């Protein structure tokens, strides 16, 4: 059974940090690009950061202003999203997705989200004092 499972969400104060994890099982994780997407209340889901499986290429949404870092551990079949200097507007459900597409920018920005190969169920991040 294919699974993508997110973890690491929670409540954090503005300015704080969180690290989200995405674990993939049931498929050849190394062959897939992985992306983090988020959906805030009342908003459409948007691509936050994506990382390709080959050449370790990354893409970040401009709105992040360099505060987030995506990384992957091939040995553990894990992808991480380190989030620093969190702001209330970062509050959202964060999802990870896997796709055979080998272009991080296309995955995060251009590819229709309904066409992604696999999705996790999401983890809630709340930034509030």
C-alpha atoms as a PDB file:
ATOM      1  CA  UNK A   1       0.000   0.000   0.000  1.00  0.00           C
ATOM      2  CA  UNK A   2       1.324   3.402  -0.985  1.00  0.00           C
ATOM      3  CA  UNK A   3       1.495   5.884   1.848  1.00  0.00           C
ATOM      4  CA  UNK A   4       2.790   9.376   2.379  1.00  0.00           C
ATOM      5  CA  UNK A   5       2.604  10.388   6.009  1.00  0.00           C
ATOM      6  CA  UNK A   6       3.292  13.892   7.274  1.00  0.00           C
ATOM      7  CA  UNK A   7       4.271  14.676  10.847  1.00  0.00           C
ATOM      8  CA  UNK A   8       5.710  17.493  12.906  1.00  0.00           C
ATOM      9  CA  UNK A   9       2.886  20.001  12.794  1.00  0.00           C
ATOM     10  CA  UNK A  10       1.580  21.804  15.837  1.00  0.00           C
ATOM     11  CA  UNK A  11       1.138  25.128  17.556  1.00  0.00           C
ATOM     12  CA  UNK A  12       4.085  27.514  17.533  1.00  0.00           C
ATOM     13  CA  UNK A  13       4.509  31.161  18.430  1.00  0.00           C
ATOM     14  CA  UNK A  14       5.386  33.749  15.808  1.00  0.00           C
ATOM     15  CA  UNK A  15       9.111  33.720  15.182  1.00  0.00           C
ATOM     16  CA  UNK A  16       9.394  30.077  16.152  1.00  0.00           C
ATOM     17  CA  UNK A  17      10.467  27.047  14.154  1.00  0.00           C
ATOM     18  CA  UNK A  18       9.070  23.673  13.194  1.00  0.00           C
ATOM     19  CA  UNK A  19      10.375  20.777  11.137  1.00  0.00           C
ATOM     20  CA  UNK A  20       7.861  18.794   9.141  1.00  0.00           C
ATOM     21  CA  UNK A  21       8.601  15.267   7.988  1.00  0.00           C
ATOM     22  CA  UNK A  22       7.174  13.288   5.095  1.00  0.00           C
ATOM     23  CA  UNK A  23       7.647   9.522   5.092  1.00  0.00           C
ATOM     24  CA  UNK A  24       6.993   7.483   1.962  1.00  0.00           C
ATOM     25  CA  UNK A  25       6.290   3.750   1.836  1.00  0.00           C
ATOM     26  CA  UNK A  26       4.955   1.303  -0.709  1.00  0.00           C
ATOM     27  CA  UNK A  27       6.717   2.839  -3.702  1.00  0.00           C
ATOM     28  CA  UNK A  28      10.240   3.602  -4.877  1.00  0.00           C
ATOM     29  CA  UNK A  29      10.604   6.867  -3.010  1.00  0.00           C
ATOM     30  CA  UNK A  30      13.942   7.716  -4.597  1.00  0.00           C
ATOM     31  CA  UNK A  31      12.348   7.888  -8.060  1.00  0.00           C
ATOM     32  CA  UNK A  32       9.898  10.616  -7.125  1.00  0.00           C
ATOM     33  CA  UNK A  33      10.107  14.333  -6.679  1.00  0.00           C
ATOM     34  CA  UNK A  34       8.535  15.418  -3.405  1.00  0.00           C
ATOM     35  CA  UNK A  35       6.710  18.626  -2.727  1.00  0.00           C
ATOM     36  CA  UNK A  36       5.264  20.444   0.250  1.00  0.00           C
ATOM     37  CA  UNK A  37       1.987  22.230  -0.337  1.00  0.00           C
ATOM     38  CA  UNK A  38      -0.196  24.137   2.084  1.00  0.00           C
ATOM     39  CA  UNK A  39      -3.787  25.194   2.326  1.00  0.00           C
ATOM     40  CA  UNK A  40      -4.844  27.987   4.627  1.00  0.00           C
ATOM     41  CA  UNK A  41      -8.476  28.383   5.687  1.00  0.00           C
ATOM     42  CA  UNK A  42     -10.508  29.744   2.811  1.00  0.00           C
ATOM     43  CA  UNK A  43      -7.567  29.626   0.421  1.00  0.00           C
ATOM     44  CA  UNK A  44      -6.484  27.392  -2.424  1.00  0.00           C
ATOM     45  CA  UNK A  45      -3.714  24.906  -1.859  1.00  0.00           C
ATOM     46  CA  UNK A  46      -0.340  26.286  -2.973  1.00  0.00           C
ATOM     47  CA  UNK A  47       3.084  24.881  -3.618  1.00  0.00           C
ATOM     48  CA  UNK A  48       5.555  25.812  -0.897  1.00  0.00           C
ATOM     49  CA  UNK A  49       8.744  23.890  -1.673  1.00  0.00           C
ATOM     50  CA  UNK A  50       9.618  21.005  -3.954  1.00  0.00           C
ATOM     51  CA  UNK A  51      12.679  18.839  -4.412  1.00  0.00           C
ATOM     52  CA  UNK A  52      13.516  16.626  -7.348  1.00  0.00           C
ATOM     53  CA  UNK A  53      14.759  13.080  -7.004  1.00  0.00           C
ATOM     54  CA  UNK A  54      17.634  13.617  -9.411  1.00  0.00           C
ATOM     55  CA  UNK A  55      20.264  16.318  -8.974  1.00  0.00           C
ATOM     56  CA  UNK A  56      18.614  17.409  -5.708  1.00  0.00           C
ATOM     57  CA  UNK A  57      17.112  20.497  -7.328  1.00  0.00           C
ATOM     58  CA  UNK A  58      14.785  22.615  -5.253  1.00  0.00           C
ATOM     59  CA  UNK A  59      12.121  25.246  -5.719  1.00  0.00           C
ATOM     60  CA  UNK A  60      10.702  27.634  -3.135  1.00  0.00           C
ATOM     61  CA  UNK A  61       7.728  29.928  -3.300  1.00  0.00           C
ATOM     62  CA  UNK A  62       8.813  33.581  -3.358  1.00  0.00           C
ATOM     63  CA  UNK A  63       6.543  34.375  -0.438  1.00  0.00           C
ATOM     64  CA  UNK A  64       8.741  32.310   1.905  1.00  0.00           C
ATOM     65  CA  UNK A  65      11.536  34.889   1.765  1.00  0.00           C
ATOM     66  CA  UNK A  66      14.145  32.237   2.476  1.00  0.00           C
ATOM     67  CA  UNK A  67      12.651  31.074   5.763  1.00  0.00           C
ATOM     68  CA  UNK A  68      11.981  27.433   4.769  1.00  0.00           C
ATOM     69  CA  UNK A  69      14.386  24.699   3.685  1.00  0.00           C
ATOM     70  CA  UNK A  70      13.429  21.429   2.015  1.00  0.00           C
ATOM     71  CA  UNK A  71      15.723  18.425   2.201  1.00  0.00           C
ATOM     72  CA  UNK A  72      15.551  14.696   1.657  1.00  0.00           C
ATOM     73  CA  UNK A  73      17.206  11.670   3.187  1.00  0.00           C
ATOM     74  CA  UNK A  74      17.391   8.924   0.574  1.00  0.00           C
ATOM     75  CA  UNK A  75      18.439   6.286   3.109  1.00  0.00           C
ATOM     76  CA  UNK A  76      15.377   6.897   5.264  1.00  0.00           C
ATOM     77  CA  UNK A  77      12.824   7.648   2.506  1.00  0.00           C
ATOM     78  CA  UNK A  78      12.122  10.964   4.174  1.00  0.00           C
ATOM     79  CA  UNK A  79      11.688  14.556   3.083  1.00  0.00           C
ATOM     80  CA  UNK A  80      11.811  17.400   5.568  1.00  0.00           C
ATOM     81  CA  UNK A  81      10.628  20.982   5.611  1.00  0.00           C
ATOM     82  CA  UNK A  82      12.497  23.145   8.096  1.00  0.00           C
ATOM     83  CA  UNK A  83      10.400  26.228   8.801  1.00  0.00           C
ATOM     84  CA  UNK A  84      11.999  29.164  10.608  1.00  0.00           C
ATOM     85  CA  UNK A  85      10.786  32.634  11.566  1.00  0.00           C
ATOM     86  CA  UNK A  86       7.218  31.460  11.317  1.00  0.00           C
ATOM     87  CA  UNK A  87       4.469  34.008  10.822  1.00  0.00           C
ATOM     88  CA  UNK A  88       0.723  33.812  11.493  1.00  0.00           C
ATOM     89  CA  UNK A  89       0.164  33.739   7.729  1.00  0.00           C
ATOM     90  CA  UNK A  90       2.044  30.425   7.600  1.00  0.00           C
ATOM     91  CA  UNK A  91      -0.887  28.826   9.415  1.00  0.00           C
ATOM     92  CA  UNK A  92      -2.228  26.073   7.179  1.00  0.00           C
ATOM     93  CA  UNK A  93      -2.548  22.372   6.656  1.00  0.00           C
ATOM     94  CA  UNK A  94       0.704  21.206   5.094  1.00  0.00           C
ATOM     95  CA  UNK A  95       0.634  18.300   2.672  1.00  0.00           C
ATOM     96  CA  UNK A  96       3.391  16.380   0.990  1.00  0.00           C
ATOM     97  CA  UNK A  97       3.014  15.008  -2.498  1.00  0.00           C
ATOM     98  CA  UNK A  98       5.071  12.668  -4.642  1.00  0.00           C
ATOM     99  CA  UNK A  99       5.319  12.760  -8.401  1.00  0.00           C
ATOM    100  CA  UNK A 100       7.479  11.190 -11.102  1.00  0.00           C
ATOM    101  CA  UNK A 101       8.020  14.632 -12.617  1.00  0.00           C
ATOM    102  CA  UNK A 102      11.687  15.565 -12.364  1.00  0.00           C
ATOM    103  CA  UNK A 103      11.347  19.325 -12.227  1.00  0.00           C
ATOM    104  CA  UNK A 104      10.834  20.943  -8.856  1.00  0.00           C
ATOM    105  CA  UNK A 105       9.498  24.243 -10.223  1.00  0.00           C
ATOM    106  CA  UNK A 106       6.982  22.536 -12.486  1.00  0.00           C
ATOM    107  CA  UNK A 107       5.824  20.315  -9.650  1.00  0.00           C
ATOM    108  CA  UNK A 108       5.280  23.206  -7.263  1.00  0.00           C
ATOM    109  CA  UNK A 109       3.851  25.761  -9.661  1.00  0.00           C
ATOM    110  CA  UNK A 110       2.651  24.386 -12.976  1.00  0.00           C
ATOM    111  CA  UNK A 111       1.493  20.800 -12.636  1.00  0.00           C
ATOM    112  CA  UNK A 112      -2.204  20.428 -11.810  1.00  0.00           C
ATOM    113  CA  UNK A 113      -2.339  19.217  -8.249  1.00  0.00           C
ATOM    114  CA  UNK A 114      -4.994  16.642  -9.067  1.00  0.00           C
ATOM    115  CA  UNK A 115      -2.465  14.980 -11.368  1.00  0.00           C
ATOM    116  CA  UNK A 116       0.129  14.325  -8.641  1.00  0.00           C
ATOM    117  CA  UNK A 117       0.844  10.622  -8.190  1.00  0.00           C
ATOM    118  CA  UNK A 118       0.426  10.512  -4.409  1.00  0.00           C
ATOM    119  CA  UNK A 119      -0.713  12.769  -1.572  1.00  0.00           C
ATOM    120  CA  UNK A 120      -0.461  12.588   2.160  1.00  0.00           C
ATOM    121  CA  UNK A 121      -3.320  13.523   4.458  1.00  0.00           C
ATOM    122  CA  UNK A 122      -1.679  16.627   5.853  1.00  0.00           C
ATOM    123  CA  UNK A 123      -0.463  18.033   9.142  1.00  0.00           C
ATOM    124  CA  UNK A 124      -1.756  21.232  10.714  1.00  0.00           C
ATOM    125  CA  UNK A 125       0.603  24.085  11.499  1.00  0.00           C
ATOM    126  CA  UNK A 126      -0.772  26.910  13.613  1.00  0.00           C
ATOM    127  CA  UNK A 127       1.299  30.013  14.224  1.00  0.00           C
ATOM    128  CA  UNK A 128      -0.225  32.056  16.998  1.00  0.00           C
ATOM    129  CA  UNK A 129       0.641  33.768  20.242  1.00  0.00           C
END
